[in-house]
C-alpha atoms as a PDB file:
ATOM      1  CA  MET A   1     110.450  28.719 203.540  1.00  0.00           C
ATOM      2  CA  LEU A   2     108.536  26.273 201.428  1.00  0.00           C
ATOM      3  CA  ASN A   3     105.624  28.694 201.098  1.00  0.00           C
ATOM      4  CA  SER A   4     107.882  31.414 199.783  1.00  0.00           C
ATOM      5  CA  LEU A   5     109.519  29.076 197.257  1.00  0.00           C
ATOM      6  CA  LEU A   6     106.198  27.916 195.909  1.00  0.00           C
ATOM      7  CA  ILE A   7     104.876  31.436 195.603  1.00  0.00           C
ATOM      8  CA  LEU A   8     108.056  32.512 193.777  1.00  0.00           C
ATOM      9  CA  CYS A   9     107.852  29.642 191.290  1.00  0.00           C
ATOM     10  CA  LEU A  10     104.210  30.221 190.577  1.00  0.00           C
ATOM     11  CA  GLY A  11     104.817  33.974 190.249  1.00  0.00           C
ATOM     12  CA  VAL A  12     107.514  33.397 187.622  1.00  0.00           C
ATOM     13  CA  CYS A  13     105.354  30.971 185.695  1.00  0.00           C
ATOM     14  CA  PHE A  14     102.337  33.204 185.869  1.00  0.00           C
ATOM     15  CA  THR A  15     104.350  36.260 184.845  1.00  0.00           C
ATOM     16  CA  ASN A  16     105.772  34.505 181.763  1.00  0.00           C
ATOM     17  CA  VAL A  17     102.398  33.158 180.714  1.00  0.00           C
ATOM     18  CA  THR A  18     100.629  36.474 181.286  1.00  0.00           C
ATOM     19  CA  SER A  19     103.343  38.295 179.332  1.00  0.00           C
ATOM     20  CA  ALA A  20     102.914  35.912 176.405  1.00  0.00           C
ATOM     21  CA  THR A  21      99.125  36.362 176.543  1.00  0.00           C
ATOM     22  CA  ASN A  22      99.390  40.146 176.635  1.00  0.00           C
ATOM     23  CA  GLN A  23     101.692  40.051 173.577  1.00  0.00           C
ATOM     24  CA  SER A  24      98.977  38.102 171.728  1.00  0.00           C
ATOM     25  CA  ILE A  25      96.685  41.081 172.158  1.00  0.00           C
ATOM     26  CA  ASP A  26      99.006  43.976 171.293  1.00  0.00           C
ATOM     27  CA  ILE A  27     101.577  42.220 169.073  1.00  0.00           C
ATOM     28  CA  VAL A  28     100.457  39.076 167.249  1.00  0.00           C
ATOM     29  CA  PRO A  29     102.528  36.118 168.590  1.00  0.00           C
ATOM     30  CA  SER A  30     104.209  33.560 166.390  1.00  0.00           C
ATOM     31  CA  THR A  31     103.616  29.772 166.514  1.00  0.00           C
ATOM     32  CA  SER A  32     106.749  29.261 168.610  1.00  0.00           C
ATOM     33  CA  ASP A  33     105.465  31.838 171.127  1.00  0.00           C
ATOM     34  CA  LEU A  34     102.211  29.876 171.497  1.00  0.00           C
ATOM     35  CA  LYS A  35     104.118  26.638 172.029  1.00  0.00           C
ATOM     36  CA  ILE A  36     106.189  28.247 174.774  1.00  0.00           C
ATOM     37  CA  GLY A  37     102.955  29.396 176.461  1.00  0.00           C
ATOM     38  CA  TYR A  38     101.569  25.845 176.517  1.00  0.00           C
ATOM     39  CA  ASP A  39     104.824  24.478 177.918  1.00  0.00           C
ATOM     40  CA  LEU A  40     104.761  27.032 180.701  1.00  0.00           C
ATOM     41  CA  ILE A  41     101.207  26.085 181.582  1.00  0.00           C
ATOM     42  CA  ASN A  42     102.137  22.402 181.806  1.00  0.00           C
ATOM     43  CA  LYS A  43     105.073  23.192 184.026  1.00  0.00           C
ATOM     44  CA  ALA A  44     102.854  25.297 186.222  1.00  0.00           C
ATOM     45  CA  PHE A  45     100.394  22.441 186.686  1.00  0.00           C
ATOM     46  CA  HIS A  46     103.261  20.106 187.510  1.00  0.00           C
ATOM     47  CA  LEU A  47     104.492  22.465 190.182  1.00  0.00           C
ATOM     48  CA  VAL A  48     101.027  22.723 191.588  1.00  0.00           C
ATOM     49  CA  ASP A  49     100.795  18.955 191.918  1.00  0.00           C
ATOM     50  CA  ARG A  50     104.070  18.831 193.787  1.00  0.00           C
ATOM     51  CA  ALA A  51     103.008  21.705 195.974  1.00  0.00           C
ATOM     52  CA  PHE A  52      99.845  19.847 197.001  1.00  0.00           C
ATOM     53  CA  SER A  53     101.856  16.773 197.881  1.00  0.00           C
ATOM     54  CA  LEU A  54     104.106  18.869 200.138  1.00  0.00           C
ATOM     55  CA  ILE A  55     101.171  20.532 201.757  1.00  0.00           C
ATOM     56  CA  GLU A  56      99.695  17.224 202.792  1.00  0.00           C
ATOM     57  CA  ASN A  57     102.835  16.450 204.853  1.00  0.00           C
ATOM     58  CA  GLN A  58     102.706  19.742 206.881  1.00  0.00           C
ATOM     59  CA  ASP A  59     100.508  20.929 209.713  1.00  0.00           C
ATOM     60  CA  SER A  60      97.016  22.204 209.129  1.00  0.00           C
ATOM     61  CA  GLY A  61      97.687  25.828 210.221  1.00  0.00           C
ATOM     62  CA  SER A  62     100.340  26.603 207.596  1.00  0.00           C
ATOM     63  CA  THR A  63      98.706  24.606 204.862  1.00  0.00           C
ATOM     64  CA  THR A  64      95.478  26.527 204.936  1.00  0.00           C
ATOM     65  CA  ASP A  65      97.045  29.749 203.605  1.00  0.00           C
ATOM     66  CA  THR A  66      99.167  27.876 201.113  1.00  0.00           C
ATOM     67  CA  ALA A  67      96.171  25.966 199.838  1.00  0.00           C
ATOM     68  CA  ASN A  68      94.281  29.217 199.320  1.00  0.00           C
ATOM     69  CA  ILE A  69      97.176  30.610 197.324  1.00  0.00           C
ATOM     70  CA  PHE A  70      97.487  27.538 195.139  1.00  0.00           C
ATOM     71  CA  GLU A  71      93.800  27.362 194.547  1.00  0.00           C
ATOM     72  CA  ASP A  72      93.857  30.960 193.343  1.00  0.00           C
ATOM     73  CA  VAL A  73      96.834  30.202 191.083  1.00  0.00           C
ATOM     74  CA  VAL A  74      95.127  27.155 189.661  1.00  0.00           C
ATOM     75  CA  GLU A  75      92.018  29.168 188.940  1.00  0.00           C
ATOM     76  CA  ARG A  76      94.031  31.864 187.182  1.00  0.00           C
ATOM     77  CA  LEU A  77      95.961  29.320 185.133  1.00  0.00           C
ATOM     78  CA  GLU A  78      92.760  27.628 184.040  1.00  0.00           C
ATOM     79  CA  ARG A  79      91.362  30.984 182.888  1.00  0.00           C
ATOM     80  CA  LEU A  80      94.608  31.662 181.048  1.00  0.00           C
ATOM     81  CA  GLU A  81      94.486  28.349 179.255  1.00  0.00           C
ATOM     82  CA  THR A  82      90.910  28.964 178.219  1.00  0.00           C
ATOM     83  CA  ALA A  83      91.831  32.446 176.874  1.00  0.00           C
ATOM     84  CA  ILE A  84      94.764  31.078 174.914  1.00  0.00           C
ATOM     85  CA  SER A  85      92.614  28.319 173.397  1.00  0.00           C
ATOM     86  CA  ASP A  86      89.931  30.858 172.388  1.00  0.00           C
ATOM     87  CA  ASN A  87      92.423  33.199 170.775  1.00  0.00           C
ATOM     88  CA  LYS A  88      94.398  30.523 169.027  1.00  0.00           C
ATOM     89  CA  ARG A  89      92.338  30.560 165.820  1.00  0.00           C
ATOM     90  CA  GLU A  90      92.166  34.322 165.753  1.00  0.00           C
ATOM     91  CA  ASN A  91      95.913  34.541 166.228  1.00  0.00           C
ATOM     92  CA  VAL A  92      96.532  32.153 163.384  1.00  0.00           C
ATOM     93  CA  MET A  93      94.306  34.171 161.004  1.00  0.00           C
ATOM     94  CA  MET A  94      95.957  37.408 162.069  1.00  0.00           C
ATOM     95  CA  VAL A  95      99.367  35.881 161.424  1.00  0.00           C
ATOM     96  CA  ARG A  96      98.247  34.791 157.953  1.00  0.00           C
ATOM     97  CA  ASN A  97      96.817  38.226 157.194  1.00  0.00           C
ATOM     98  CA  LEU A  98      99.963  39.901 158.390  1.00  0.00           C
ATOM     99  CA  THR A  99     102.041  37.511 156.307  1.00  0.00           C
ATOM    100  CA  LEU A 100     100.045  38.411 153.193  1.00  0.00           C
ATOM    101  CA  LYS A 101     100.317  42.096 153.973  1.00  0.00           C
ATOM    102  CA  LEU A 102     104.042  41.738 154.460  1.00  0.00           C
ATOM    103  CA  GLU A 103     104.346  39.925 151.105  1.00  0.00           C
ATOM    104  CA  ASN A 104     102.331  42.672 149.385  1.00  0.00           C
ATOM    105  CA  LEU A 105     104.378  45.313 151.136  1.00  0.00           C
ATOM    106  CA  GLU A 106     107.557  43.591 150.011  1.00  0.00           C
ATOM    107  CA  LYS A 107     106.324  43.565 146.405  1.00  0.00           C
ATOM    108  CA  THR A 108     105.267  47.228 146.602  1.00  0.00           C
ATOM    109  CA  VAL A 109     108.587  48.222 148.078  1.00  0.00           C
ATOM    110  CA  GLY A 110     110.372  46.247 145.370  1.00  0.00           C
ATOM    111  CA  ASN A 111     108.387  48.001 142.654  1.00  0.00           C
ATOM    112  CA  ARG A 112     109.047  51.373 144.261  1.00  0.00           C
ATOM    113  CA  LEU A 113     112.747  50.614 144.463  1.00  0.00           C
ATOM    114  CA  SER A 114     112.817  49.603 140.778  1.00  0.00           C
ATOM    115  CA  GLN A 115     111.068  52.836 139.806  1.00  0.00           C
ATOM    116  CA  LEU A 116     113.445  54.785 142.004  1.00  0.00           C
ATOM    117  CA  GLU A 117     116.409  53.157 140.330  1.00  0.00           C
ATOM    118  CA  LEU A 118     115.034  54.124 136.909  1.00  0.00           C
ATOM    119  CA  VAL A 119     114.446  57.674 138.087  1.00  0.00           C
ATOM    120  CA  MET A 120     117.943  57.829 139.509  1.00  0.00           C
ATOM    121  CA  GLU A 121     119.451  56.547 136.256  1.00  0.00           C
ATOM    122  CA  ALA A 122     117.468  59.134 134.252  1.00  0.00           C
ATOM    123  CA  GLY A 123     118.486  61.812 136.724  1.00  0.00           C
ATOM    124  CA  LEU A 124     122.120  60.872 136.362  1.00  0.00           C
ATOM    125  CA  GLU A 125     121.811  61.048 132.564  1.00  0.00           C
ATOM    126  CA  ASN A 126     120.109  64.448 132.823  1.00  0.00           C
ATOM    127  CA  CYS A 127     122.752  65.590 135.250  1.00  0.00           C
ATOM    128  CA  SER A 128     125.394  64.499 132.788  1.00  0.00           C
ATOM    129  CA  CYS A 129     123.666  66.418 129.987  1.00  0.00           C
ATOM    130  CA  SER A 130     123.088  69.420 132.226  1.00  0.00           C
ATOM    131  CA  SER A 131     126.669  69.313 133.371  1.00  0.00           C
ATOM    132  CA  GLY A 132     127.769  69.367 129.755  1.00  0.00           C
ATOM    133  CA  LYS A 133     125.494  72.285 128.949  1.00  0.00           C
ATOM    134  CA  ILE A 134     126.595  74.129 132.065  1.00  0.00           C
ATOM    135  CA  GLY A 135     130.198  73.511 131.078  1.00  0.00           C
ATOM    136  CA  LEU A 136     129.528  74.979 127.611  1.00  0.00           C
ATOM    137  CA  LYS A 137     127.779  77.990 129.108  1.00  0.00           C
ATOM    138  CA  LEU A 138     130.627  78.495 131.550  1.00  0.00           C
ATOM    139  CA  ASP A 139     133.069  78.376 128.656  1.00  0.00           C
ATOM    140  CA  GLU A 140     130.979  80.934 126.751  1.00  0.00           C
ATOM    141  CA  GLN A 141     130.788  83.161 129.812  1.00  0.00           C
ATOM    142  CA  SER A 142     134.520  82.847 130.322  1.00  0.00           C
ATOM    143  CA  THR A 143     135.068  83.893 126.701  1.00  0.00           C
ATOM    144  CA  LEU A 144     132.740  86.855 127.141  1.00  0.00           C
ATOM    145  CA  ILE A 145     134.492  87.870 130.340  1.00  0.00           C
ATOM    146  CA  GLU A 146     137.836  87.704 128.578  1.00  0.00           C
ATOM    147  CA  GLY A 147     136.434  89.911 125.817  1.00  0.00           C
ATOM    148  CA  VAL A 148     135.079  92.367 128.375  1.00  0.00           C
ATOM    149  CA  ASP A 149     138.429  92.444 130.139  1.00  0.00           C
ATOM    150  CA  GLU A 150     140.138  93.209 126.859  1.00  0.00           C
ATOM    151  CA  LYS A 151     137.677  95.998 126.121  1.00  0.00           C
ATOM    152  CA  LEU A 152     138.160  97.389 129.614  1.00  0.00           C
ATOM    153  CA  GLN A 153     141.895  97.427 129.076  1.00  0.00           C
ATOM    154  CA  ASN A 154     141.386  99.277 125.804  1.00  0.00           C
ATOM    155  CA  LEU A 155     139.074 101.729 127.504  1.00  0.00           C
ATOM    156  CA  GLU A 156     141.607 102.270 130.245  1.00  0.00           C
ATOM    157  CA  GLY A 157     144.175 103.077 127.599  1.00  0.00           C
ATOM    158  CA  LEU A 158     141.791 105.526 125.929  1.00  0.00           C
ATOM    159  CA  VAL A 159     140.942 107.099 129.280  1.00  0.00           C
ATOM    160  CA  ASP A 160     144.629 107.529 130.050  1.00  0.00           C
ATOM    161  CA  ASN A 161     145.165 109.176 126.672  1.00  0.00           C
ATOM    162  CA  LYS A 162     142.159 111.416 127.136  1.00  0.00           C
ATOM    163  CA  THR A 163     143.297 112.282 130.644  1.00  0.00           C
ATOM    164  CA  SER A 164     146.710 113.252 129.359  1.00  0.00           C
ATOM    165  CA  ARG A 165     145.149 115.415 126.658  1.00  0.00           C
ATOM    166  CA  ILE A 166     142.765 116.982 129.147  1.00  0.00           C
ATOM    167  CA  GLU A 167     145.672 117.794 131.441  1.00  0.00           C
ATOM    168  CA  GLU A 168     147.472 119.390 128.513  1.00  0.00           C
ATOM    169  CA  MET A 169     144.346 121.350 127.617  1.00  0.00           C
ATOM    170  CA  VAL A 170     143.958 122.446 131.240  1.00  0.00           C
ATOM    171  CA  ASP A 171     147.523 123.711 131.248  1.00  0.00           C
ATOM    172  CA  LYS A 172     146.946 125.519 127.959  1.00  0.00           C
ATOM    173  CA  THR A 173     143.660 126.898 129.238  1.00  0.00           C
ATOM    174  CA  ALA A 174     145.375 128.172 132.359  1.00  0.00           C
ATOM    175  CA  ASP A 175     147.964 129.895 130.173  1.00  0.00           C
ATOM    176  CA  LEU A 176     145.242 131.338 127.949  1.00  0.00           C
ATOM    177  CA  SER A 177     143.275 132.473 130.997  1.00  0.00           C
ATOM    178  CA  GLU A 178     146.313 134.255 132.347  1.00  0.00           C
ATOM    179  CA  LYS A 179     146.892 135.880 128.971  1.00  0.00           C
ATOM    180  CA  ALA A 180     143.205 136.769 128.736  1.00  0.00           C
ATOM    181  CA  VAL A 181     143.367 138.433 132.131  1.00  0.00           C
ATOM    182  CA  GLN A 182     146.422 140.371 131.041  1.00  0.00           C
ATOM    183  CA  LEU A 183     144.741 141.318 127.765  1.00  0.00           C
ATOM    184  CA  THR A 184     141.571 142.343 129.580  1.00  0.00           C
ATOM    185  CA  SER A 185     143.559 144.487 131.945  1.00  0.00           C
ATOM    186  CA  THR A 186     145.344 146.082 128.986  1.00  0.00           C
ATOM    187  CA  VAL A 187     142.085 146.753 127.133  1.00  0.00           C
ATOM    188  CA  GLN A 188     140.496 148.123 130.287  1.00  0.00           C
ATOM    189  CA  ARG A 189     143.396 150.511 130.851  1.00  0.00           C
ATOM    190  CA  ARG A 190     143.240 151.664 127.252  1.00  0.00           C
ATOM    191  CA  GLN A 191     139.503 152.064 127.432  1.00  0.00           C
ATOM    192  CA  GLN A 192     139.749 154.073 130.616  1.00  0.00           C
ATOM    193  CA  THR A 193     142.375 156.233 128.948  1.00  0.00           C
ATOM    194  CA  TRP A 194     140.124 156.674 125.938  1.00  0.00           C
ATOM    195  CA  LEU A 195     137.180 157.490 128.179  1.00  0.00           C
ATOM    196  CA  SER A 196     139.142 160.167 129.903  1.00  0.00           C
ATOM    197  CA  GLU A 197     138.803 162.249 126.707  1.00  0.00           C
ATOM    198  CA  ILE A 198     135.658 164.365 126.694  1.00  0.00           C
ATOM    199  CA  ARG A 199     134.993 165.609 123.159  1.00  0.00           C
ATOM    200  CA  LEU A 200     132.371 167.323 121.062  1.00  0.00           C
ATOM    201  CA  ILE A 201     129.806 164.675 120.118  1.00  0.00           C
ATOM    202  CA  SER A 202     127.083 166.824 118.498  1.00  0.00           C
ATOM    203  CA  LEU A 203     128.885 168.370 115.532  1.00  0.00           C
ATOM    204  CA  PHE A 204     127.078 167.749 112.260  1.00  0.00           C
ATOM    205  CA  LYS A 205     124.696 165.281 113.833  1.00  0.00           C
ATOM    206  CA  MET A 206     121.146 164.853 112.540  1.00  0.00           C
ATOM    207  CA  THR A 207     118.515 167.238 113.854  1.00  0.00           C
ATOM    208  CA  SER A 208     114.752 167.769 113.629  1.00  0.00           C
ATOM    209  CA  GLU A 209     111.984 169.961 115.056  1.00  0.00           C
ATOM    210  CA  ASN A 210     108.224 169.858 115.516  1.00  0.00           C
ATOM    211  CA  ASN A 211     107.476 173.351 114.150  1.00  0.00           C
ATOM    212  CA  PRO A 212     109.790 173.923 111.176  1.00  0.00           C
ATOM    213  CA  HIS A 213     110.044 177.331 109.448  1.00  0.00           C
ATOM    214  CA  ALA A 214     108.810 177.685 105.869  1.00  0.00           C
ATOM    215  CA  SER A 215     112.244 178.874 104.801  1.00  0.00           C
ATOM    216  CA  ARG A 216     114.951 176.231 104.792  1.00  0.00           C
ATOM    217  CA  ASP A 217     117.394 178.949 105.780  1.00  0.00           C
ATOM    218  CA  TYR A 218     116.181 178.530 109.377  1.00  0.00           C
ATOM    219  CA  ASN A 219     116.417 174.703 109.537  1.00  0.00           C
ATOM    220  CA  PRO A 220     117.595 173.188 112.851  1.00  0.00           C
ATOM    221  CA  GLY A 221     120.761 171.746 111.277  1.00  0.00           C
ATOM    222  CA  ILE A 222     122.261 175.212 111.685  1.00  0.00           C
ATOM    223  CA  VAL A 223     122.522 174.705 115.476  1.00  0.00           C
ATOM    224  CA  VAL A 224     125.128 171.884 114.996  1.00  0.00           C
ATOM    225  CA  ASP A 225     127.216 173.344 112.134  1.00  0.00           C
ATOM    226  CA  GLY A 226     129.882 174.799 114.423  1.00  0.00           C
ATOM    227  CA  GLN A 227     129.110 178.401 113.338  1.00  0.00           C
ATOM    228  CA  PHE A 228     127.980 180.813 116.051  1.00  0.00           C
ATOM    229  CA  VAL A 229     129.925 183.985 115.232  1.00  0.00           C
ATOM    230  CA  PHE A 230     127.666 185.791 112.805  1.00  0.00           C
ATOM    231  CA  THR A 231     124.245 186.941 113.802  1.00  0.00           C
ATOM    232  CA  TYR A 232     121.724 189.669 113.147  1.00  0.00           C
ATOM    233  CA  PRO A 233     121.999 192.400 111.652  1.00  0.00           C
ATOM    234  CA  HIS A 234     124.445 190.909 109.152  1.00  0.00           C
ATOM    235  CA  GLU A 235     123.308 190.043 105.711  1.00  0.00           C
ATOM    236  CA  THR A 236     120.676 187.368 105.317  1.00  0.00           C
ATOM    237  CA  HIS A 237     122.985 185.017 103.450  1.00  0.00           C
ATOM    238  CA  MET A 238     125.327 185.051 106.466  1.00  0.00           C
ATOM    239  CA  ARG A 239     122.592 184.041 108.843  1.00  0.00           C
ATOM    240  CA  THR A 240     123.670 181.139 111.186  1.00  0.00           C
ATOM    241  CA  TYR A 241     120.672 180.736 113.521  1.00  0.00           C
ATOM    242  CA  SER A 242     117.638 178.420 113.571  1.00  0.00           C
ATOM    243  CA  HIS A 243     114.107 179.747 113.849  1.00  0.00           C
ATOM    244  CA  THR A 244     110.831 177.928 114.514  1.00  0.00           C
ATOM    245  CA  ALA A 245     107.852 178.704 112.293  1.00  0.00           C
ATOM    246  CA  SER A 246     105.775 180.270 115.084  1.00  0.00           C
ATOM    247  CA  GLY A 247     105.693 181.078 118.747  1.00  0.00           C
ATOM    248  CA  ALA A 248     103.314 178.246 119.604  1.00  0.00           C
ATOM    249  CA  ALA A 249     103.634 176.385 122.889  1.00  0.00           C
ATOM    250  CA  ASP A 250     105.744 173.217 123.185  1.00  0.00           C
ATOM    251  CA  ASN A 251     108.207 174.014 120.389  1.00  0.00           C
ATOM    252  CA  LYS A 252     110.984 171.378 120.271  1.00  0.00           C
ATOM    253  CA  ILE A 253     114.341 170.792 118.584  1.00  0.00           C
ATOM    254  CA  TRP A 254     116.039 167.362 118.680  1.00  0.00           C
ATOM    255  CA  ILE A 255     119.690 166.450 118.187  1.00  0.00           C
ATOM    256  CA  ASN A 256     120.276 162.754 117.451  1.00  0.00           C
ATOM    257  CA  LEU A 257     123.758 161.785 118.673  1.00  0.00           C
ATOM    258  CA  GLY A 258     123.844 158.516 116.661  1.00  0.00           C
ATOM    259  CA  GLY A 259     124.734 156.264 119.599  1.00  0.00           C
ATOM    260  CA  LEU A 260     124.695 155.893 123.367  1.00  0.00           C
ATOM    261  CA  PHE A 261     126.972 158.523 124.902  1.00  0.00           C
ATOM    262  CA  ARG A 262     127.771 159.735 128.363  1.00  0.00           C
ATOM    263  CA  VAL A 263     127.041 163.474 128.429  1.00  0.00           C
ATOM    264  CA  TYR A 264     129.198 165.802 130.529  1.00  0.00           C
ATOM    265  CA  HIS A 265     128.332 169.238 129.207  1.00  0.00           C
ATOM    266  CA  ILE A 266     125.816 171.095 126.970  1.00  0.00           C
ATOM    267  CA  GLY A 267     126.412 174.644 125.781  1.00  0.00           C
ATOM    268  CA  VAL A 268     123.741 176.757 124.039  1.00  0.00           C
ATOM    269  CA  TRP A 269     124.445 179.996 122.076  1.00  0.00           C
ATOM    270  CA  ASN A 270     121.424 182.255 122.052  1.00  0.00           C
ATOM    271  CA  THR A 271     120.842 185.125 119.640  1.00  0.00           C
ATOM    272  CA  ARG A 272     122.525 188.383 120.645  1.00  0.00           C
ATOM    273  CA  GLU A 273     119.767 190.770 119.730  1.00  0.00           C
ATOM    274  CA  GLY A 274     116.304 191.426 121.039  1.00  0.00           C
ATOM    275  CA  SER A 275     115.147 187.785 120.872  1.00  0.00           C
ATOM    276  CA  LYS A 276     117.325 186.613 123.774  1.00  0.00           C
ATOM    277  CA  PRO A 277     114.461 186.472 126.325  1.00  0.00           C
ATOM    278  CA  ARG A 278     112.578 183.945 124.160  1.00  0.00           C
ATOM    279  CA  PHE A 279     114.944 181.080 125.229  1.00  0.00           C
ATOM    280  CA  SER A 280     114.398 181.563 128.943  1.00  0.00           C
ATOM    281  CA  GLY A 281     112.381 178.685 130.431  1.00  0.00           C
ATOM    282  CA  THR A 282     113.528 176.141 127.821  1.00  0.00           C
ATOM    283  CA  ASN A 283     114.175 172.641 129.297  1.00  0.00           C
ATOM    284  CA  ILE A 284     117.228 170.595 128.215  1.00  0.00           C
ATOM    285  CA  TYR A 285     116.867 166.788 128.212  1.00  0.00           C
ATOM    286  CA  VAL A 286     119.241 163.881 127.553  1.00  0.00           C
ATOM    287  CA  ASP A 287     116.783 161.204 126.513  1.00  0.00           C
ATOM    288  CA  GLU A 288     114.280 161.379 129.386  1.00  0.00           C
ATOM    289  CA  THR A 289     116.653 162.949 131.926  1.00  0.00           C
ATOM    290  CA  LEU A 290     116.228 166.658 132.631  1.00  0.00           C
ATOM    291  CA  VAL A 291     119.673 168.242 132.640  1.00  0.00           C
ATOM    292  CA  GLY A 292     118.625 171.851 133.287  1.00  0.00           C
ATOM    293  CA  THR A 293     116.347 174.782 132.436  1.00  0.00           C
ATOM    294  CA  ALA A 294     117.457 178.040 130.777  1.00  0.00           C
ATOM    295  CA  ALA A 295     117.117 181.078 132.998  1.00  0.00           C
ATOM    296  CA  GLY A 296     117.787 184.792 132.194  1.00  0.00           C
ATOM    297  CA  ASP A 297     118.346 186.802 129.072  1.00  0.00           C
ATOM    298  CA  TRP A 298     121.815 185.533 128.254  1.00  0.00           C
ATOM    299  CA  GLY A 299     123.562 185.006 124.944  1.00  0.00           C
ATOM    300  CA  TYR A 300     125.080 181.770 126.259  1.00  0.00           C
ATOM    301  CA  HIS A 301     123.685 179.075 128.595  1.00  0.00           C
ATOM    302  CA  ASP A 302     125.859 176.386 130.201  1.00  0.00           C
ATOM    303  CA  PHE A 303     124.570 173.017 131.456  1.00  0.00           C
ATOM    304  CA  SER A 304     127.370 170.967 133.025  1.00  0.00           C
ATOM    305  CA  LEU A 305     127.054 167.638 134.835  1.00  0.00           C
ATOM    306  CA  PRO A 306     129.292 166.686 137.763  1.00  0.00           C
ATOM    307  CA  GLU A 307     131.502 163.601 137.547  1.00  0.00           C
ATOM    308  CA  GLU A 308     129.441 161.686 140.084  1.00  0.00           C
ATOM    309  CA  ARG A 309     126.286 162.181 138.014  1.00  0.00           C
ATOM    310  CA  ALA A 310     126.541 159.830 135.044  1.00  0.00           C
ATOM    311  CA  VAL A 311     123.936 160.591 132.377  1.00  0.00           C
ATOM    312  CA  TYR A 312     123.747 158.431 129.266  1.00  0.00           C
ATOM    313  CA  GLY A 313     121.616 159.047 126.201  1.00  0.00           C
ATOM    314  CA  SER A 314     121.358 159.108 122.404  1.00  0.00           C
ATOM    315  CA  ARG A 315     119.251 162.266 121.967  1.00  0.00           C
ATOM    316  CA  VAL A 316     119.317 165.841 123.278  1.00  0.00           C
ATOM    317  CA  THR A 317     115.994 167.702 123.329  1.00  0.00           C
ATOM    318  CA  LEU A 318     115.354 171.439 123.706  1.00  0.00           C
ATOM    319  CA  HIS A 319     111.741 171.988 124.797  1.00  0.00           C
ATOM    320  CA  GLN A 320     110.061 175.372 125.251  1.00  0.00           C
ATOM    321  CA  PRO A 321     106.776 174.657 127.085  1.00  0.00           C
ATOM    322  CA  ARG A 322     105.803 178.329 126.966  1.00  0.00           C
ATOM    323  CA  ALA A 323     104.182 179.807 123.818  1.00  0.00           C
ATOM    324  CA  ASP A 324     107.266 181.362 122.198  1.00  0.00           C
ATOM    325  CA  TYR A 325     109.825 180.949 119.426  1.00  0.00           C
ATOM    326  CA  ILE A 326     113.055 178.993 119.690  1.00  0.00           C
ATOM    327  CA  ILE A 327     115.774 181.069 117.996  1.00  0.00           C
ATOM    328  CA  LEU A 328     119.318 179.704 118.492  1.00  0.00           C
ATOM    329  CA  LEU A 329     122.766 180.045 117.021  1.00  0.00           C
ATOM    330  CA  GLU A 330     124.446 176.842 118.165  1.00  0.00           C
ATOM    331  CA  VAL A 331     124.123 173.830 120.506  1.00  0.00           C
ATOM    332  CA  GLN A 332     127.220 171.873 121.539  1.00  0.00           C
ATOM    333  CA  VAL A 333     127.079 168.545 123.385  1.00  0.00           C
ATOM    334  CA  TRP A 334     130.273 167.228 125.027  1.00  0.00           C
ATOM    335  CA  GLY A 335     130.815 163.691 126.231  1.00  0.00           C
ATOM    336  CA  ASN A 336     132.398 160.306 125.373  1.00  0.00           C
ATOM    337  CA  GLY A 337     131.282 157.076 123.788  1.00  0.00           C
ATOM    338  CA  PRO A 338     129.488 155.495 122.106  1.00  0.00           C
ATOM    339  CA  TYR A 339     128.686 152.603 124.462  1.00  0.00           C
ATOM    340  CA  ASN A 340     126.818 149.355 124.246  1.00  0.00           C
ATOM    341  CA  SER A 341     123.804 149.334 126.511  1.00  0.00           C
ATOM    342  CA  THR A 342     125.408 146.484 128.512  1.00  0.00           C
ATOM    343  CA  ASP A 343     128.837 148.147 128.631  1.00  0.00           C
ATOM    344  CA  ILE A 344     128.151 151.105 130.856  1.00  0.00           C
ATOM    345  CA  PHE A 345     130.865 151.731 133.441  1.00  0.00           C
ATOM    346  CA  ASN A 346     129.004 153.887 135.924  1.00  0.00           C
END
């Protein structure tokens, strides 16, 4: 029982002293901490003295172990005291150095705080100025927005007016379109009615030839004068037929219609005397379209085009490829028109 109590007391003392010594290494102790360490050491030695006095009154078997323990404790305490004495000066210098560093740190922190206060005051002043400027800008922006809103309202009014006018124009346009359709239908019906008339389109039109006779009495204009009754052997001044200058090959006579016409029929009156065979083999063209070729010794040749064959042209050509004269009384071209080149119905 006594052994355990002594060991416990020494353990507590040794633990406190060792803890204080360890703090002197990691964390610099204060003067009060050092004083506490010395007090603990003194108390430890006092306990050791009492322990030895108790040991002397007990038997030799139990005291041997206890004496070994106390001797070890005494040795450790002596080493501890020596360590504390050696480190005392160093601890004092470290405390002084730390105190100086703390004073410098306090001054530095104070200076930093003063500067920070100045910066904060300047910042607050700038914030006040900036807030004022921002307020002015916000006011300006609000004014601009109000102006934009007003303009938008005006534009909305204009758009509404324009929309109303456009709607009116659309209605008028629809009415005009309907009237235009009606008018177009009317014009188309009238035009179709007009087109249904097939008339003589060659009378008194301009003519020419490539082998004219020396006498103007045989000019090709005679073939479109509407006269085909008189012929040879009546008197010369009653002559109504055209005559080429010679019987050379490729004799031609042209009739210029004066516009673009649809041609339905071409009638040719040949001479009624011995020259009738000369016209056989003559080709009849409307522009570049071959309408027919004369065949036989007839006083009259008919070239008609069916309804489904639409032939348009502005010139009728009579071409004799064979070496022979062209001697004719009259040429009549029947059709309707004139047309624009983009206004052809079929």
